[in-house]
Amino acid sequence: MLVEIGNMSDQLNHNQPRVRYEITRIKPYTLKELAGLYDVDTRTLRKWLDPFKKRIGVKRGRIYTAVQVERILNFIGPIKDIINE
């Protein structure tokens, strides 16, 4: 699957080119797991996700679904561990 990946600054400036990464597997994650993959605190990740909250959707319990994780990757950028699998 090809996914277009940008970062938060790309969302604000639509003139910048987007980068494509091939991701073979996206799985559900909790906020804490995602924060660990991005190597940031959960509060930091939550602040990054706030502008995209409506477009990401409501978590299923404590877990972001695979579709939501894909959206997160599109909004705030790639997680190197997923891309290198």
C-alpha atoms as a PDB file:
ATOM      1  CA  MET A   1       0.000   0.000   0.000  1.00  0.00           C
ATOM      2  CA  LEU A   2       1.305   3.450  -0.856  1.00  0.00           C
ATOM      3  CA  VAL A   3       0.562   6.173   1.646  1.00  0.00           C
ATOM      4  CA  GLU A   4       1.293   9.859   1.199  1.00  0.00           C
ATOM      5  CA  ILE A   5       3.084  11.125   4.249  1.00  0.00           C
ATOM      6  CA  GLY A   6       3.566  14.728   5.293  1.00  0.00           C
ATOM      7  CA  ASN A   7       4.208  16.423   8.582  1.00  0.00           C
ATOM      8  CA  MET A   8       2.335  19.105  10.487  1.00  0.00           C
ATOM      9  CA  SER A   9       4.102  21.908   8.609  1.00  0.00           C
ATOM     10  CA  ASP A  10       2.998  20.303   5.306  1.00  0.00           C
ATOM     11  CA  GLN A  11      -0.600  20.551   6.465  1.00  0.00           C
ATOM     12  CA  LEU A  12      -0.190  24.309   6.890  1.00  0.00           C
ATOM     13  CA  ASN A  13       1.676  24.868   3.605  1.00  0.00           C
ATOM     14  CA  HIS A  14      -0.057  23.004   0.794  1.00  0.00           C
ATOM     15  CA  ASN A  15       2.558  24.057  -1.776  1.00  0.00           C
ATOM     16  CA  GLN A  16       5.234  21.681  -0.463  1.00  0.00           C
ATOM     17  CA  PRO A  17       5.593  18.296  -2.172  1.00  0.00           C
ATOM     18  CA  ARG A  18       4.473  15.241  -0.247  1.00  0.00           C
ATOM     19  CA  VAL A  19       6.652  12.193   0.255  1.00  0.00           C
ATOM     20  CA  ARG A  20       5.410   8.656  -0.444  1.00  0.00           C
ATOM     21  CA  TYR A  21       6.346   5.669   1.673  1.00  0.00           C
ATOM     22  CA  GLU A  22       5.378   2.066   1.145  1.00  0.00           C
ATOM     23  CA  ILE A  23       3.962   0.606   4.331  1.00  0.00           C
ATOM     24  CA  THR A  24       3.307  -3.107   4.393  1.00  0.00           C
ATOM     25  CA  ARG A  25       1.460  -3.405   7.705  1.00  0.00           C
ATOM     26  CA  ILE A  26      -0.408  -0.946   9.894  1.00  0.00           C
ATOM     27  CA  LYS A  27      -1.933  -2.249  13.122  1.00  0.00           C
ATOM     28  CA  PRO A  28      -4.025  -0.807  15.969  1.00  0.00           C
ATOM     29  CA  TYR A  29      -2.147   1.069  18.716  1.00  0.00           C
ATOM     30  CA  THR A  30      -2.914   2.768  22.019  1.00  0.00           C
ATOM     31  CA  LEU A  31      -1.886   6.386  22.513  1.00  0.00           C
ATOM     32  CA  LYS A  32       0.934   5.233  24.784  1.00  0.00           C
ATOM     33  CA  GLU A  33       2.244   2.767  22.164  1.00  0.00           C
ATOM     34  CA  LEU A  34       2.136   5.427  19.426  1.00  0.00           C
ATOM     35  CA  ALA A  35       3.913   7.917  21.682  1.00  0.00           C
ATOM     36  CA  GLY A  36       6.611   5.306  22.309  1.00  0.00           C
ATOM     37  CA  LEU A  37       7.061   4.737  18.576  1.00  0.00           C
ATOM     38  CA  TYR A  38       7.379   8.467  17.986  1.00  0.00           C
ATOM     39  CA  ASP A  39       9.645   8.682  21.070  1.00  0.00           C
ATOM     40  CA  VAL A  40       7.590  11.447  22.691  1.00  0.00           C
ATOM     41  CA  ASP A  41       5.449  11.783  25.806  1.00  0.00           C
ATOM     42  CA  THR A  42       1.734  10.984  25.491  1.00  0.00           C
ATOM     43  CA  ARG A  43       0.910  14.637  26.268  1.00  0.00           C
ATOM     44  CA  THR A  44       3.091  15.756  23.343  1.00  0.00           C
ATOM     45  CA  LEU A  45       1.472  13.283  20.941  1.00  0.00           C
ATOM     46  CA  ARG A  46      -1.979  14.358  22.109  1.00  0.00           C
ATOM     47  CA  LYS A  47      -1.085  18.001  21.318  1.00  0.00           C
ATOM     48  CA  TRP A  48       0.137  16.960  17.876  1.00  0.00           C
ATOM     49  CA  LEU A  49      -3.137  15.105  17.234  1.00  0.00           C
ATOM     50  CA  ASP A  50      -5.489  17.828  18.542  1.00  0.00           C
ATOM     51  CA  PRO A  51      -5.750  19.760  15.231  1.00  0.00           C
ATOM     52  CA  PHE A  52      -6.732  16.518  13.453  1.00  0.00           C
ATOM     53  CA  LYS A  53      -9.031  15.069  16.130  1.00  0.00           C
ATOM     54  CA  LYS A  54     -12.239  15.180  14.057  1.00  0.00           C
ATOM     55  CA  ARG A  55     -10.571  13.697  10.971  1.00  0.00           C
ATOM     56  CA  ILE A  56      -8.891  10.894  12.956  1.00  0.00           C
ATOM     57  CA  GLY A  57     -12.131   9.885  14.661  1.00  0.00           C
ATOM     58  CA  VAL A  58     -13.036   8.447  18.054  1.00  0.00           C
ATOM     59  CA  LYS A  59     -10.837   5.686  19.483  1.00  0.00           C
ATOM     60  CA  ARG A  60     -12.313   2.227  20.071  1.00  0.00           C
ATOM     61  CA  GLY A  61     -11.911   2.111  23.832  1.00  0.00           C
ATOM     62  CA  ARG A  62      -8.226   2.901  24.368  1.00  0.00           C
ATOM     63  CA  ILE A  63      -7.101   1.847  20.897  1.00  0.00           C
ATOM     64  CA  TYR A  64      -6.752   3.669  17.589  1.00  0.00           C
ATOM     65  CA  THR A  65      -7.844   1.356  14.774  1.00  0.00           C
ATOM     66  CA  ALA A  66      -5.540   0.551  11.851  1.00  0.00           C
ATOM     67  CA  VAL A  67      -7.445   3.070   9.702  1.00  0.00           C
ATOM     68  CA  GLN A  68      -6.973   5.751  12.364  1.00  0.00           C
ATOM     69  CA  VAL A  69      -3.261   4.925  12.650  1.00  0.00           C
ATOM     70  CA  GLU A  70      -2.975   5.358   8.874  1.00  0.00           C
ATOM     71  CA  ARG A  71      -4.625   8.781   9.176  1.00  0.00           C
ATOM     72  CA  ILE A  72      -2.244   9.725  12.002  1.00  0.00           C
ATOM     73  CA  LEU A  73       0.703   8.765   9.798  1.00  0.00           C
ATOM     74  CA  ASN A  74      -0.681  10.999   7.065  1.00  0.00           C
ATOM     75  CA  PHE A  75      -1.196  13.943   9.411  1.00  0.00           C
ATOM     76  CA  ILE A  76       1.939  13.989  11.579  1.00  0.00           C
ATOM     77  CA  GLY A  77       4.466  11.931   9.655  1.00  0.00           C
ATOM     78  CA  PRO A  78       5.910   8.433   9.443  1.00  0.00           C
ATOM     79  CA  ILE A  79       7.037   6.145  12.221  1.00  0.00           C
ATOM     80  CA  LYS A  80      10.376   4.725  11.143  1.00  0.00           C
ATOM     81  CA  ASP A  81       9.762   1.356  12.850  1.00  0.00           C
ATOM     82  CA  ILE A  82       6.640   0.692  10.798  1.00  0.00           C
ATOM     83  CA  ILE A  83       8.227   1.753   7.516  1.00  0.00           C
ATOM     84  CA  ASN A  84      11.318  -0.403   8.051  1.00  0.00           C
ATOM     85  CA  GLU A  85       9.406  -3.648   8.771  1.00  0.00           C
END
